Amino acid sequence: SYLKKGLVIGDVQSGKTGNFIALMNKAADAGYNMVVITTGTIEKLRRQTQSRIEEGFIGTFTATRNKMSKSKTVKDFGNSEQTLALTNADKDFSIRTANPVGFGSAPIVAVIKKNKRSLEDLYKWLENNNEPDIKRTGKIDRSLLFIDDEADNATINTRGVDDPTTINKGIRNILGLFKRSSYV
């Protein structure tokens, strides 16, 4: 069991997204089972981040406008690893539309906005799809990399430890579901 935390600071357009996509690839190589990326609170930013992750981690574009993209993806450089995406460039995570995917050998990735509904839905989906682990050990016996992009937007707990803000509490709850997690 572990909970590791890290911090990345950089200027605008300094390569932070490219660096965390590299971190995602390294984590997948090291056996991490799930990667969650929270973006800001605006859908346009979530879509932009989703497209960058599709290019550098997943290997396929999902948005209608990107299907004919001339951009190369990781698959163009010989990466044949499978990745299961719970989100796409056109839709944020929703428990109503999420597939009941179980953990297998392929890492699962979700790019979600920082809002109460997205965090709660992801938490419920994780609980529902990992019920045997949670009943047996109280935690999901897998590893999670949680990347909080734009952490200065909505994440910081501005209240007491016992009464955290909604977004902070949602992130803590998801991290607390996993036996092994890393938060960046």
C-alpha atoms as a PDB file:
ATOM      1  CA  SER A   1       0.000   0.000   0.000  1.00  0.00           C
ATOM      2  CA  TYR A   2       1.161   3.525  -0.711  1.00  0.00           C
ATOM      3  CA  LEU A   3       0.070   7.072  -1.454  1.00  0.00           C
ATOM      4  CA  LYS A   4       2.771   9.111  -3.173  1.00  0.00           C
ATOM      5  CA  LYS A   5       2.387  12.803  -3.940  1.00  0.00           C
ATOM      6  CA  GLY A   6       4.317  15.074  -6.274  1.00  0.00           C
ATOM      7  CA  LEU A   7       4.165  18.600  -7.645  1.00  0.00           C
ATOM      8  CA  VAL A   8       5.032  20.015 -11.052  1.00  0.00           C
ATOM      9  CA  ILE A   9       5.268  23.767 -11.558  1.00  0.00           C
ATOM     10  CA  GLY A  10       5.772  25.458 -14.900  1.00  0.00           C
ATOM     11  CA  ASP A  11       5.037  28.554 -16.921  1.00  0.00           C
ATOM     12  CA  VAL A  12       2.327  28.760 -19.569  1.00  0.00           C
ATOM     13  CA  GLN A  13       3.343  26.766 -22.687  1.00  0.00           C
ATOM     14  CA  SER A  14       6.391  25.289 -20.909  1.00  0.00           C
ATOM     15  CA  GLY A  15       5.597  21.628 -21.661  1.00  0.00           C
ATOM     16  CA  LYS A  16       3.730  20.515 -18.529  1.00  0.00           C
ATOM     17  CA  THR A  17       1.114  18.532 -20.477  1.00  0.00           C
ATOM     18  CA  GLY A  18       3.794  16.808 -22.555  1.00  0.00           C
ATOM     19  CA  ASN A  19       5.640  15.907 -19.368  1.00  0.00           C
ATOM     20  CA  PHE A  20       2.598  14.429 -17.658  1.00  0.00           C
ATOM     21  CA  ILE A  21       1.782  12.419 -20.794  1.00  0.00           C
ATOM     22  CA  ALA A  22       5.326  11.016 -20.602  1.00  0.00           C
ATOM     23  CA  LEU A  23       4.678  10.255 -16.917  1.00  0.00           C
ATOM     24  CA  MET A  24       1.467   8.435 -17.889  1.00  0.00           C
ATOM     25  CA  ASN A  25       3.384   6.270 -20.353  1.00  0.00           C
ATOM     26  CA  LYS A  26       6.044   5.483 -17.768  1.00  0.00           C
ATOM     27  CA  ALA A  27       3.362   4.640 -15.187  1.00  0.00           C
ATOM     28  CA  ALA A  28       1.648   2.280 -17.656  1.00  0.00           C
ATOM     29  CA  ASP A  29       5.001   0.608 -18.334  1.00  0.00           C
ATOM     30  CA  ALA A  30       5.482   0.246 -14.565  1.00  0.00           C
ATOM     31  CA  GLY A  31       2.106  -1.504 -14.196  1.00  0.00           C
ATOM     32  CA  TYR A  32      -0.272   1.254 -13.121  1.00  0.00           C
ATOM     33  CA  ASN A  33      -3.810   0.117 -13.862  1.00  0.00           C
ATOM     34  CA  MET A  34      -5.628   3.434 -14.054  1.00  0.00           C
ATOM     35  CA  VAL A  35      -4.855   7.048 -14.867  1.00  0.00           C
ATOM     36  CA  VAL A  36      -7.275   9.852 -14.033  1.00  0.00           C
ATOM     37  CA  ILE A  37      -6.606  13.372 -15.255  1.00  0.00           C
ATOM     38  CA  THR A  38      -8.672  16.251 -13.935  1.00  0.00           C
ATOM     39  CA  THR A  39      -8.595  19.369 -16.065  1.00  0.00           C
ATOM     40  CA  GLY A  40     -10.055  22.743 -15.212  1.00  0.00           C
ATOM     41  CA  THR A  41     -13.759  23.382 -14.897  1.00  0.00           C
ATOM     42  CA  ILE A  42     -14.309  24.274 -18.580  1.00  0.00           C
ATOM     43  CA  GLU A  43     -15.271  21.625 -21.163  1.00  0.00           C
ATOM     44  CA  LYS A  44     -13.111  23.209 -23.887  1.00  0.00           C
ATOM     45  CA  LEU A  45      -9.983  22.664 -21.766  1.00  0.00           C
ATOM     46  CA  ARG A  46     -11.023  19.065 -21.000  1.00  0.00           C
ATOM     47  CA  ARG A  47     -11.479  18.370 -24.720  1.00  0.00           C
ATOM     48  CA  GLN A  48      -8.103  19.890 -25.535  1.00  0.00           C
ATOM     49  CA  THR A  49      -6.390  17.768 -22.879  1.00  0.00           C
ATOM     50  CA  GLN A  50      -8.280  14.648 -24.022  1.00  0.00           C
ATOM     51  CA  SER A  51      -7.037  15.170 -27.601  1.00  0.00           C
ATOM     52  CA  ARG A  52      -3.446  15.579 -26.414  1.00  0.00           C
ATOM     53  CA  ILE A  53      -3.715  12.375 -24.354  1.00  0.00           C
ATOM     54  CA  GLU A  54      -5.243  10.523 -27.286  1.00  0.00           C
ATOM     55  CA  GLU A  55      -2.257  11.577 -29.366  1.00  0.00           C
ATOM     56  CA  GLY A  56       0.453  10.815 -26.802  1.00  0.00           C
ATOM     57  CA  PHE A  57      -0.986   7.937 -24.749  1.00  0.00           C
ATOM     58  CA  ILE A  58      -4.093   6.272 -26.202  1.00  0.00           C
ATOM     59  CA  GLY A  59      -3.075   6.352 -29.874  1.00  0.00           C
ATOM     60  CA  THR A  60      -6.445   7.027 -31.512  1.00  0.00           C
ATOM     61  CA  PHE A  61      -8.495  10.184 -31.925  1.00  0.00           C
ATOM     62  CA  THR A  62     -12.131  10.064 -30.843  1.00  0.00           C
ATOM     63  CA  ALA A  63     -13.555  13.468 -31.739  1.00  0.00           C
ATOM     64  CA  THR A  64     -15.350  13.682 -35.042  1.00  0.00           C
ATOM     65  CA  ARG A  65     -13.209  16.637 -36.088  1.00  0.00           C
ATOM     66  CA  ASN A  66      -9.966  14.730 -35.382  1.00  0.00           C
ATOM     67  CA  LYS A  67     -10.749  11.473 -37.177  1.00  0.00           C
ATOM     68  CA  MET A  68      -8.957  12.685 -40.297  1.00  0.00           C
ATOM     69  CA  SER A  69      -6.155  14.422 -38.361  1.00  0.00           C
ATOM     70  CA  LYS A  70      -2.719  14.482 -39.893  1.00  0.00           C
ATOM     71  CA  SER A  71      -1.142  14.375 -36.416  1.00  0.00           C
ATOM     72  CA  LYS A  72       0.853  11.303 -35.553  1.00  0.00           C
ATOM     73  CA  THR A  73      -0.002   9.329 -32.454  1.00  0.00           C
ATOM     74  CA  VAL A  74       1.980   6.890 -30.329  1.00  0.00           C
ATOM     75  CA  LYS A  75       0.647   4.081 -32.533  1.00  0.00           C
ATOM     76  CA  ASP A  76       2.515   5.613 -35.508  1.00  0.00           C
ATOM     77  CA  PHE A  77       5.774   5.023 -33.613  1.00  0.00           C
ATOM     78  CA  GLY A  78       5.239   1.316 -33.003  1.00  0.00           C
ATOM     79  CA  ASN A  79       3.219   1.369 -29.780  1.00  0.00           C
ATOM     80  CA  SER A  80       0.703  -1.447 -30.008  1.00  0.00           C
ATOM     81  CA  GLU A  81      -0.335  -1.462 -26.346  1.00  0.00           C
ATOM     82  CA  GLN A  82      -4.054  -1.301 -25.641  1.00  0.00           C
ATOM     83  CA  THR A  83      -5.604   1.437 -23.520  1.00  0.00           C
ATOM     84  CA  LEU A  84      -9.225   1.644 -22.418  1.00  0.00           C
ATOM     85  CA  ALA A  85     -10.604   5.188 -22.399  1.00  0.00           C
ATOM     86  CA  LEU A  86     -13.614   6.043 -20.252  1.00  0.00           C
ATOM     87  CA  THR A  87     -13.911   9.487 -21.845  1.00  0.00           C
ATOM     88  CA  ASN A  88     -13.572  10.853 -25.332  1.00  0.00           C
ATOM     89  CA  ALA A  89     -13.045  14.247 -26.903  1.00  0.00           C
ATOM     90  CA  ASP A  90     -16.771  14.783 -27.287  1.00  0.00           C
ATOM     91  CA  LYS A  91     -18.004  13.677 -23.820  1.00  0.00           C
ATOM     92  CA  ASP A  92     -16.887  13.977 -20.215  1.00  0.00           C
ATOM     93  CA  PHE A  93     -17.261  10.968 -17.903  1.00  0.00           C
ATOM     94  CA  SER A  94     -20.800   9.970 -16.987  1.00  0.00           C
ATOM     95  CA  ILE A  95     -21.854   6.958 -14.957  1.00  0.00           C
ATOM     96  CA  ARG A  96     -24.928   6.630 -17.201  1.00  0.00           C
ATOM     97  CA  THR A  97     -22.839   6.074 -20.331  1.00  0.00           C
ATOM     98  CA  ALA A  98     -19.650   4.490 -18.961  1.00  0.00           C
ATOM     99  CA  ASN A  99     -19.033   0.901 -19.912  1.00  0.00           C
ATOM    100  CA  PRO A 100     -18.709  -1.632 -17.108  1.00  0.00           C
ATOM    101  CA  VAL A 101     -15.037  -2.234 -17.866  1.00  0.00           C
ATOM    102  CA  GLY A 102     -13.070  -4.370 -15.461  1.00  0.00           C
ATOM    103  CA  PHE A 103      -9.381  -4.075 -14.802  1.00  0.00           C
ATOM    104  CA  GLY A 104      -7.307  -6.236 -17.070  1.00  0.00           C
ATOM    105  CA  SER A 105      -3.872  -5.896 -18.592  1.00  0.00           C
ATOM    106  CA  ALA A 106      -4.709  -2.629 -20.396  1.00  0.00           C
ATOM    107  CA  PRO A 107      -4.549   0.611 -18.411  1.00  0.00           C
ATOM    108  CA  ILE A 108      -7.773   2.569 -18.063  1.00  0.00           C
ATOM    109  CA  VAL A 109      -7.718   6.342 -18.571  1.00  0.00           C
ATOM    110  CA  ALA A 110     -10.302   9.038 -17.832  1.00  0.00           C
ATOM    111  CA  VAL A 111      -9.993  12.755 -18.546  1.00  0.00           C
ATOM    112  CA  ILE A 112     -12.612  14.549 -16.481  1.00  0.00           C
ATOM    113  CA  LYS A 113     -13.567  18.101 -15.629  1.00  0.00           C
ATOM    114  CA  LYS A 114     -13.226  19.246 -12.070  1.00  0.00           C
ATOM    115  CA  ASN A 115     -16.815  19.290 -11.033  1.00  0.00           C
ATOM    116  CA  LYS A 116     -18.798  17.532  -8.362  1.00  0.00           C
ATOM    117  CA  ARG A 117     -20.810  15.327 -10.754  1.00  0.00           C
ATOM    118  CA  SER A 118     -17.789  13.999 -12.684  1.00  0.00           C
ATOM    119  CA  LEU A 119     -15.875  13.141  -9.518  1.00  0.00           C
ATOM    120  CA  GLU A 120     -18.881  11.526  -7.825  1.00  0.00           C
ATOM    121  CA  ASP A 121     -19.795   9.548 -10.952  1.00  0.00           C
ATOM    122  CA  LEU A 122     -16.241   8.246 -11.328  1.00  0.00           C
ATOM    123  CA  TYR A 123     -16.169   7.280  -7.649  1.00  0.00           C
ATOM    124  CA  LYS A 124     -19.474   5.379  -7.955  1.00  0.00           C
ATOM    125  CA  TRP A 125     -18.329   3.696 -11.178  1.00  0.00           C
ATOM    126  CA  LEU A 126     -15.111   2.552  -9.508  1.00  0.00           C
ATOM    127  CA  GLU A 127     -17.044   1.246  -6.502  1.00  0.00           C
ATOM    128  CA  ASN A 128     -19.575  -0.595  -8.674  1.00  0.00           C
ATOM    129  CA  ASN A 129     -16.939  -2.195 -10.904  1.00  0.00           C
ATOM    130  CA  ASN A 130     -14.648  -3.278  -8.060  1.00  0.00           C
ATOM    131  CA  GLU A 131     -17.117  -4.436  -5.452  1.00  0.00           C
ATOM    132  CA  PRO A 132     -15.387  -7.772  -4.678  1.00  0.00           C
ATOM    133  CA  ASP A 133     -12.049  -6.052  -3.905  1.00  0.00           C
ATOM    134  CA  ILE A 134     -13.708  -3.385  -1.779  1.00  0.00           C
ATOM    135  CA  LYS A 135     -15.747  -5.941   0.191  1.00  0.00           C
ATOM    136  CA  ARG A 136     -12.680  -8.116   0.761  1.00  0.00           C
ATOM    137  CA  THR A 137     -10.018  -5.503   1.610  1.00  0.00           C
ATOM    138  CA  GLY A 138     -11.807  -2.160   1.786  1.00  0.00           C
ATOM    139  CA  LYS A 139      -9.803  -0.900  -1.196  1.00  0.00           C
ATOM    140  CA  ILE A 140      -9.324  -1.588  -4.885  1.00  0.00           C
ATOM    141  CA  ASP A 141      -6.239  -3.797  -5.159  1.00  0.00           C
ATOM    142  CA  ARG A 142      -4.874  -1.862  -8.158  1.00  0.00           C
ATOM    143  CA  SER A 143      -2.714   1.194  -8.688  1.00  0.00           C
ATOM    144  CA  LEU A 144      -3.895   4.667  -9.683  1.00  0.00           C
ATOM    145  CA  LEU A 145      -2.019   7.646 -11.106  1.00  0.00           C
ATOM    146  CA  PHE A 146      -4.115  10.766 -10.486  1.00  0.00           C
ATOM    147  CA  ILE A 147      -2.923  13.841 -12.397  1.00  0.00           C
ATOM    148  CA  ASP A 148      -4.526  17.082 -11.267  1.00  0.00           C
ATOM    149  CA  ASP A 149      -3.918  19.529 -14.094  1.00  0.00           C
ATOM    150  CA  GLU A 150      -4.587  23.134 -13.103  1.00  0.00           C
ATOM    151  CA  ALA A 151      -4.394  22.135  -9.422  1.00  0.00           C
ATOM    152  CA  ASP A 152      -4.617  25.776  -8.401  1.00  0.00           C
ATOM    153  CA  ASN A 153      -8.132  25.861  -9.896  1.00  0.00           C
ATOM    154  CA  ALA A 154     -10.771  24.430  -7.517  1.00  0.00           C
ATOM    155  CA  THR A 155      -8.571  21.727  -5.918  1.00  0.00           C
ATOM    156  CA  ILE A 156      -7.106  23.569  -2.954  1.00  0.00           C
ATOM    157  CA  ASN A 157      -8.941  22.955   0.289  1.00  0.00           C
ATOM    158  CA  THR A 158      -9.829  26.402   1.593  1.00  0.00           C
ATOM    159  CA  ARG A 159     -11.747  24.982   4.551  1.00  0.00           C
ATOM    160  CA  GLY A 160     -10.856  22.786   7.507  1.00  0.00           C
ATOM    161  CA  VAL A 161      -9.428  19.270   7.304  1.00  0.00           C
ATOM    162  CA  ASP A 162     -12.678  17.725   8.531  1.00  0.00           C
ATOM    163  CA  ASP A 163     -14.839  19.773   6.130  1.00  0.00           C
ATOM    164  CA  PRO A 164     -12.974  19.887   2.793  1.00  0.00           C
ATOM    165  CA  THR A 165     -14.212  21.707  -0.280  1.00  0.00           C
ATOM    166  CA  THR A 166     -16.251  19.640  -2.745  1.00  0.00           C
ATOM    167  CA  ILE A 167     -13.539  19.108  -5.373  1.00  0.00           C
ATOM    168  CA  ASN A 168     -10.847  18.415  -2.782  1.00  0.00           C
ATOM    169  CA  LYS A 169     -13.092  15.861  -1.080  1.00  0.00           C
ATOM    170  CA  GLY A 170     -13.936  14.199  -4.412  1.00  0.00           C
ATOM    171  CA  ILE A 171     -10.261  13.782  -5.271  1.00  0.00           C
ATOM    172  CA  ARG A 172      -9.466  12.455  -1.779  1.00  0.00           C
ATOM    173  CA  ASN A 173     -12.309   9.939  -2.036  1.00  0.00           C
ATOM    174  CA  ILE A 174     -11.058   8.556  -5.357  1.00  0.00           C
ATOM    175  CA  LEU A 175      -7.473   8.326  -4.101  1.00  0.00           C
ATOM    176  CA  GLY A 176      -8.739   6.586  -0.959  1.00  0.00           C
ATOM    177  CA  LEU A 177     -10.437   3.841  -2.987  1.00  0.00           C
ATOM    178  CA  PHE A 178      -7.111   2.442  -4.228  1.00  0.00           C
ATOM    179  CA  LYS A 179      -4.570   0.399  -2.323  1.00  0.00           C
ATOM    180  CA  ARG A 180      -1.762   2.074  -4.292  1.00  0.00           C
ATOM    181  CA  SER A 181      -2.042   5.602  -5.621  1.00  0.00           C
ATOM    182  CA  SER A 182       0.116   8.475  -6.788  1.00  0.00           C
ATOM    183  CA  TYR A 183      -1.105  12.056  -6.999  1.00  0.00           C
ATOM    184  CA  VAL A 184       0.632  14.665  -9.148  1.00  0.00           C
END
